[in-house]
Protein backbone atom coordinates (compact mmCIF):
# COMPACT_ATOMS: atom_id res chain seq x y z
CA MET A 1 0.00 0.00 0.00
CA THR A 2 1.01 3.60 -0.52
CA LEU A 3 1.12 5.82 2.56
CA SER A 4 -2.26 7.38 1.69
CA GLU A 5 -3.84 3.93 1.21
CA LEU A 6 -2.33 2.74 4.48
CA THR A 7 -3.73 5.83 6.25
CA ALA A 8 -7.23 4.99 4.98
CA GLU A 9 -6.74 1.37 6.08
CA MET A 10 -5.78 2.43 9.63
CA GLU A 11 -8.86 4.61 9.84
CA ALA A 12 -10.97 1.64 8.72
CA LEU A 13 -9.48 -0.27 11.67
CA SER A 14 -10.56 2.58 13.97
CA GLU A 15 -6.91 3.47 14.58
CA LYS A 16 -5.37 6.94 14.65
CA SER A 17 -4.12 8.01 11.22
CA PHE A 18 -0.55 8.57 12.51
CA ARG A 19 -0.28 4.78 12.94
CA ALA A 20 0.02 4.58 9.15
CA LYS A 21 3.12 6.80 9.15
CA GLN A 22 4.66 4.70 11.93
CA CYS A 23 3.98 1.42 10.11
CA TYR A 24 5.19 2.79 6.80
CA GLU A 25 8.46 3.96 8.36
CA TRP A 26 9.03 0.54 9.94
CA MET A 27 8.33 -1.28 6.66
CA HIS A 28 10.00 0.98 4.10
CA GLY A 29 12.51 2.95 6.17
CA LYS A 30 13.73 0.64 8.92
CA LEU A 31 13.01 -2.46 6.79
CA ALA A 32 11.38 -4.46 9.59
CA ARG A 33 10.94 -8.18 8.98
CA GLY A 34 7.51 -8.30 10.60
CA PHE A 35 5.04 -6.55 12.86
CA SER A 36 6.78 -7.93 15.95
CA GLU A 37 9.81 -5.71 15.25
CA MET A 38 7.73 -2.51 15.35
CA THR A 39 8.63 -1.88 18.98
CA ASN A 40 7.12 1.61 19.41
CA LEU A 41 3.67 0.23 18.61
CA SER A 42 1.50 -1.43 21.24
CA LYS A 43 1.41 -5.20 21.46
CA ASP A 44 -2.38 -5.19 20.89
CA PHE A 45 -1.99 -3.14 17.72
CA ARG A 46 0.77 -5.40 16.38
CA GLU A 47 -1.38 -8.46 17.05
CA LYS A 48 -4.32 -6.82 15.28
CA CYS A 49 -2.12 -6.19 12.23
CA GLY A 50 -0.78 -9.74 12.33
CA ASN A 51 -4.33 -11.13 12.39
CA ASN A 52 -5.55 -8.93 9.54
CA TYR A 53 -2.66 -8.70 7.10
CA GLU A 54 0.03 -10.80 5.49
CA TYR A 55 3.58 -9.52 5.85
CA THR A 56 5.91 -10.37 2.99
CA VAL A 57 9.35 -11.51 4.03
CA ALA A 58 11.94 -13.50 2.09
CA GLU A 59 14.17 -16.25 3.46
CA ALA A 60 17.66 -16.49 1.98
CA ALA A 61 17.77 -20.13 0.83
CA ASP A 62 21.24 -19.73 -0.68
CA VAL A 63 23.84 -16.96 -0.83
CA ARG A 64 26.94 -17.10 -3.00
CA GLU A 65 29.78 -14.58 -3.15
CA SER A 66 32.13 -14.20 -6.08
CA LYS A 67 35.82 -14.58 -5.27
CA VAL A 68 36.53 -12.50 -8.36
CA ASP A 69 34.57 -9.27 -7.83
CA GLY A 70 32.56 -9.58 -4.59
CA THR A 71 29.22 -9.93 -6.38
CA LYS A 72 26.64 -11.70 -4.22
CA LYS A 73 23.86 -13.85 -5.58
CA PHE A 74 20.83 -14.54 -3.39
CA LEU A 75 18.21 -17.22 -3.80
CA PHE A 76 15.15 -16.06 -1.86
CA ARG A 77 12.26 -18.31 -0.81
CA PHE A 78 8.80 -16.85 -0.23
CA ALA A 79 5.99 -18.19 1.97
CA ASP A 80 4.54 -20.45 -0.74
CA GLY A 81 7.91 -22.10 -1.38
CA ASN A 82 8.61 -20.33 -4.67
CA MET A 83 12.18 -19.14 -5.10
CA VAL A 84 13.61 -16.19 -7.01
CA GLU A 85 17.09 -14.88 -7.67
CA SER A 86 18.56 -11.47 -6.91
CA VAL A 87 22.09 -10.18 -7.42
CA TRP A 88 24.03 -7.50 -5.52
CA MET A 89 26.85 -5.80 -7.43
CA GLN A 90 29.37 -3.18 -6.35
CA TYR A 91 30.33 -0.42 -8.76
CA LYS A 92 32.28 2.80 -8.33
CA HIS A 93 29.04 4.77 -8.74
CA GLY A 94 27.25 2.76 -6.00
CA ASN A 95 25.62 -0.57 -5.22
CA SER A 96 23.25 -2.09 -7.77
CA VAL A 97 20.68 -4.81 -7.19
CA CYS A 98 19.17 -6.90 -9.97
CA ILE A 99 15.80 -8.35 -8.98
CA SER A 100 13.29 -10.81 -10.42
CA SER A 101 9.72 -9.88 -11.39
CA GLN A 102 8.28 -13.40 -11.82
CA ALA A 103 8.88 -16.92 -10.53
CA GLY A 104 9.95 -18.45 -13.81
CA CYS A 105 9.26 -16.98 -17.24
CA ARG A 106 7.11 -17.85 -20.25
CA MET A 107 8.98 -15.85 -22.91
CA GLY A 108 11.10 -18.83 -24.02
CA CYS A 109 14.29 -16.99 -25.04
CA LYS A 110 16.69 -19.71 -26.19
CA PHE A 111 19.82 -18.47 -24.36
CA CYS A 112 18.22 -17.89 -20.94
CA ALA A 113 18.00 -20.36 -18.05
CA SER A 114 15.09 -18.46 -16.45
CA THR A 115 12.59 -19.76 -18.96
CA LEU A 116 13.51 -23.46 -18.99
CA ASP A 117 10.78 -24.46 -16.50
CA GLY A 118 8.17 -21.95 -17.69
CA LEU A 119 6.23 -19.40 -15.67
CA VAL A 120 4.98 -20.34 -12.20
CA ARG A 121 3.44 -17.02 -11.16
CA ASN A 122 3.88 -13.26 -11.01
CA LEU A 123 5.57 -11.64 -8.04
CA SER A 124 3.61 -9.11 -6.02
CA PRO A 125 4.95 -5.54 -5.58
CA SER A 126 5.91 -6.46 -2.01
CA GLU A 127 7.86 -9.51 -3.18
CA MET A 128 9.81 -7.36 -5.62
CA LEU A 129 10.47 -4.77 -2.90
CA GLU A 130 11.47 -7.43 -0.40
CA GLN A 131 14.35 -8.53 -2.63
CA VAL A 132 15.82 -5.02 -2.39
CA TYR A 133 15.05 -4.74 1.34
CA ALA A 134 16.44 -8.18 2.22
CA ILE A 135 19.69 -7.49 0.38
CA THR A 136 19.99 -4.13 2.13
CA ARG A 137 19.56 -5.86 5.50
CA LEU A 138 21.92 -8.73 4.68
CA THR A 139 24.73 -6.61 3.25
CA GLY A 140 24.31 -3.60 5.52
CA GLU A 141 24.85 -1.47 2.41
CA ARG A 142 22.60 1.13 0.81
CA VAL A 143 21.29 0.26 -2.63
CA SER A 144 21.51 3.14 -5.11
CA ASN A 145 20.47 1.44 -8.38
CA VAL A 146 17.82 -1.20 -9.05
CA VAL A 147 17.58 -3.23 -12.25
CA VAL A 148 14.48 -5.33 -12.96
CA MET A 149 16.33 -7.74 -15.20
CA GLY A 150 16.38 -11.01 -13.27
CA THR A 151 13.99 -13.93 -13.75
CA GLY A 152 10.78 -13.04 -15.57
CA GLU A 153 9.51 -10.50 -18.10
CA PRO A 154 8.69 -7.34 -16.11
CA LEU A 155 6.13 -6.00 -18.61
CA ASP A 156 4.31 -9.35 -18.40
CA ASN A 157 3.63 -8.35 -14.77
CA TYR A 158 2.76 -4.78 -15.65
CA ASP A 159 0.50 -3.52 -12.84
CA ASN A 160 2.60 -5.03 -10.07
CA LEU A 161 5.74 -3.57 -11.66
CA LEU A 162 4.25 -0.07 -11.65
CA ARG A 163 3.25 -0.33 -7.99
CA PHE A 164 6.77 -1.58 -7.15
CA ILE A 165 8.37 1.43 -8.89
CA GLN A 166 5.99 3.79 -7.08
CA LEU A 167 6.87 2.35 -3.66
CA LEU A 168 10.61 2.07 -4.34
CA SER A 169 10.87 5.72 -5.39
CA ASP A 170 8.49 7.04 -2.70
CA GLU A 171 10.09 9.80 -0.61
CA ASN A 172 8.79 8.14 2.58
CA GLY A 173 10.69 4.90 1.84
CA LEU A 174 14.09 4.15 0.30
CA HIS A 175 13.42 7.02 -2.11
CA ILE A 176 15.52 5.60 -4.94
CA SER A 177 15.41 7.98 -7.89
CA GLN A 178 13.45 6.71 -10.87
CA ARG A 179 16.48 7.66 -12.98
CA ASN A 180 18.34 4.94 -11.09
CA ILE A 181 15.75 2.26 -11.93
CA THR A 182 16.08 0.18 -15.10
CA VAL A 183 13.38 -2.14 -16.44
CA SER A 184 14.12 -4.69 -19.16
CA THR A 185 11.76 -6.17 -21.71
CA CYS A 186 12.11 -8.73 -24.46
CA GLY A 187 9.78 -6.55 -26.51
CA LEU A 188 6.13 -6.49 -25.44
CA VAL A 189 5.18 -3.66 -27.78
CA PRO A 190 1.74 -2.64 -26.37
CA GLU A 191 3.16 -2.48 -22.84
CA MET A 192 6.12 -0.39 -24.07
CA TYR A 193 3.65 2.22 -25.33
CA ARG A 194 1.72 2.07 -22.05
CA LEU A 195 4.93 2.51 -20.06
CA ALA A 196 5.90 5.54 -22.15
CA ASP A 197 2.60 7.20 -21.18
CA GLU A 198 3.01 6.63 -17.41
CA GLY A 199 5.14 9.75 -16.90
CA LEU A 200 8.01 7.82 -15.30
CA GLN A 201 11.72 8.64 -15.57
CA ILE A 202 13.05 5.08 -15.51
CA THR A 203 15.43 3.60 -18.09
CA LEU A 204 13.96 1.05 -20.50
CA ALA A 205 16.30 -1.73 -21.65
CA LEU A 206 15.24 -3.69 -24.73
CA SER A 207 16.57 -7.23 -25.06
CA LEU A 208 17.31 -7.04 -28.78
CA HIS A 209 20.02 -9.69 -29.41
CA ALA A 210 19.60 -9.66 -33.21
CA ALA A 211 19.14 -6.98 -35.85
CA THR A 212 16.96 -8.96 -38.29
CA ASP A 213 13.55 -10.53 -37.76
CA GLU A 214 14.71 -13.91 -39.04
CA LYS A 215 17.64 -14.17 -36.64
CA ARG A 216 15.67 -12.74 -33.73
CA LYS A 217 12.91 -15.31 -34.25
CA SER A 218 15.50 -18.10 -33.96
CA LEU A 219 16.50 -16.77 -30.51
CA MET A 220 13.33 -15.23 -29.08
CA PRO A 221 9.76 -16.51 -29.63
CA ILE A 222 8.36 -13.02 -28.95
CA ALA A 223 9.89 -11.92 -32.28
CA SER A 224 7.21 -13.92 -34.10
CA ARG A 225 4.61 -11.61 -32.56
CA TYR A 226 6.33 -8.24 -32.95
CA SER A 227 8.69 -7.30 -35.77
CA ILE A 228 11.85 -5.24 -35.29
CA ASN A 229 10.15 -2.43 -37.19
CA GLU A 230 7.31 -2.43 -34.65
CA LEU A 231 9.85 -2.55 -31.81
CA MET A 232 11.80 0.43 -33.15
CA LYS A 233 8.60 2.48 -33.46
CA ALA A 234 7.78 1.68 -29.82
CA CYS A 235 11.34 2.63 -28.78
CA ASP A 236 11.11 5.92 -30.66
CA TYR A 237 7.78 6.67 -28.99
CA TYR A 238 9.24 5.89 -25.54
CA ALA A 239 12.28 8.11 -26.13
CA LYS A 240 10.15 10.97 -27.45
CA LYS A 241 7.60 10.80 -24.60
CA THR A 242 10.12 10.44 -21.77
CA GLY A 243 13.31 12.03 -23.10
CA ARG A 244 15.08 8.94 -21.75
CA ARG A 245 17.66 6.99 -23.71
CA ILE A 246 16.78 3.39 -24.58
CA SER A 247 19.35 0.70 -23.84
CA PHE A 248 19.65 -2.03 -26.49
CA GLU A 249 20.84 -5.24 -24.78
CA TYR A 250 22.72 -7.48 -27.21
CA SER A 251 24.06 -10.88 -26.08
CA LEU A 252 26.93 -11.97 -28.31
CA ILE A 253 26.71 -15.64 -29.29
CA ASP A 254 29.59 -17.18 -31.22
CA GLY A 255 28.72 -17.79 -34.87
CA VAL A 256 25.11 -16.66 -34.39
CA ASN A 257 24.94 -12.88 -34.11
CA ASP A 258 28.54 -11.65 -33.82
CA THR A 259 29.64 -11.12 -37.44
CA GLU A 260 30.70 -7.87 -39.09
CA GLU A 261 27.41 -7.91 -41.00
CA ASP A 262 25.50 -8.20 -37.70
CA ALA A 263 27.40 -5.17 -36.40
CA GLU A 264 26.51 -3.16 -39.52
CA LEU A 265 22.83 -4.11 -39.25
CA LEU A 266 22.76 -3.20 -35.55
CA SER A 267 24.46 0.11 -36.37
CA ALA A 268 21.73 0.87 -38.89
CA LEU A 269 19.07 0.26 -36.22
CA ALA A 270 20.81 2.35 -33.56
CA LYS A 271 21.91 5.24 -35.77
CA ARG A 272 20.10 8.52 -35.15
CA ARG A 273 18.15 7.00 -32.26
CA LEU A 274 18.29 8.10 -28.62
CA CYS A 275 19.85 4.83 -27.52
CA HIS A 276 22.86 3.03 -26.13
CA VAL A 277 24.06 -0.45 -27.08
CA ASN A 278 25.11 -2.76 -24.26
CA LEU A 279 27.08 -5.77 -25.52
CA ILE A 280 26.82 -8.85 -23.29
CA PRO A 281 29.03 -11.94 -23.68
CA VAL A 282 26.34 -14.64 -23.47
CA ASN A 283 26.32 -16.80 -20.34
CA PRO A 284 26.52 -20.45 -21.45
CA ILE A 285 23.91 -22.80 -19.95
CA LYS A 286 24.31 -26.55 -20.19
CA GLU A 287 20.81 -27.08 -21.63
CA ARG A 288 21.75 -25.08 -24.75
CA ASN A 289 24.72 -25.28 -27.08
CA PHE A 290 25.36 -21.54 -27.34
CA ILE A 291 28.98 -20.43 -26.91
CA ARG A 292 30.06 -16.93 -25.98
CA SER A 293 31.99 -14.96 -28.59
CA ASP A 294 35.70 -14.74 -27.82
CA THR A 295 37.28 -11.51 -26.62
CA LYS A 296 38.74 -10.68 -30.04
CA LYS A 297 35.32 -10.95 -31.73
CA ILE A 298 33.64 -8.90 -29.01
CA GLU A 299 36.19 -6.10 -29.36
CA ALA A 300 35.89 -6.17 -33.16
CA PHE A 301 32.09 -5.94 -32.88
CA LYS A 302 32.38 -3.00 -30.48
CA ASN A 303 34.93 -1.26 -32.70
CA LYS A 304 32.67 -1.57 -35.74
CA LEU A 305 29.79 0.05 -33.82
CA GLU A 306 32.07 2.85 -32.59
CA LYS A 307 33.30 3.52 -36.12
CA ASN A 308 29.66 3.92 -37.06
CA LYS A 309 29.34 6.47 -34.23
CA ILE A 310 27.14 4.25 -32.04
CA ASN A 311 27.26 4.74 -28.26
CA VAL A 312 28.34 1.28 -27.07
CA THR A 313 29.78 -0.47 -24.03
CA ILE A 314 30.67 -4.06 -23.16
CA ARG A 315 28.90 -5.09 -19.98
CA ARG A 316 31.33 -5.84 -17.20
CA GLU A 317 30.90 -9.49 -16.27
CA MET A 318 29.83 -9.90 -12.66
CA GLY A 319 29.56 -13.09 -10.64
CA ARG A 320 30.33 -15.52 -13.43
CA ASP A 321 31.98 -17.91 -10.97
CA ILE A 322 28.76 -18.17 -8.86
CA ASP A 323 26.14 -18.94 -11.54
CA GLY A 324 25.55 -15.20 -11.88
CA ALA A 325 23.37 -15.39 -14.99
CA CYS A 326 19.58 -15.21 -14.81
CA GLY A 327 17.90 -18.40 -13.67
CA GLN A 328 20.96 -20.62 -13.18
CA LEU A 329 20.96 -20.80 -9.38
CA ARG A 330 17.18 -21.17 -9.10
CA ARG A 331 17.15 -23.95 -11.66
CA SER A 332 19.93 -25.87 -9.91
CA HIS A 333 17.89 -25.82 -6.67
CA ILE A 334 14.71 -26.90 -8.48
CA LEU A 335 16.56 -29.83 -10.04
CA MET A 336 18.04 -30.84 -6.67
CA GLN A 337 14.58 -30.80 -5.07
CA GLY A 338 13.26 -33.05 -7.85
CA GLU A 339 15.94 -35.68 -7.34
């Protein structure tokens, strides 16, 4: 609930309206793990809340820390037993957290472990928030950037995503700037237009991964529904409405989408657009036979884009030694439980 909704709820319980401010501060400021921790509230009031409301809290089922760069990967379990992954990464500009928006995913992208077992359910706004809050508690570090790029397709959970962004950026809570929130999509065109009209200042990251419809269809089933031309029109609309630069995510797969011709085609798409290209060496998963492009090919691809005056970076690899890629840790636990 927002603070105003919580205030109305307290009044419906015949409680003073200031109780809402107290509860909100405990939940979104002090990051309490339950009503019992709200020590300046009466025992009777806490019991009333416990009897009337569910309190979302995540249990860390597994935590792994990279020996290479200090990245931490968390596997969180919710009350119904469903597990999701979140990643904490340290950068010079601050701490970033990558969270999941769904338990599983139904988009079917060929190079992603998140989708191998399909979609189980959407996460609630509180379950998305709790990933950020739990990591803040467990690391003792402030989170400055949040990326909704873990398991799931965020725009496939549209309403809950919007509520999450509203609560995360609320001045009464963690108050993370919307400019420091990134949401990824594999390309749900109608939702991209809707998002553009919401008046938000978040960054939209498009999982592109190929510059032709034919090649994109071989990697991403969603490409059979929406063409690259439709995608680019939606990106242009988003950039025009928000003034925010689109990020094109492009996973480099050896022999699939990493040729000089691919770089030229991608340059043609990105040229004269308010965008940035983020090159990602693909994370191999054992269920697929995709191989990451070697360093020489990646650099050549980047150089070709730069020569074409495209704003491009190679994503710094984080947590590769701890199954850092989307879905890998969750899937390994699911498989172990099934044995």
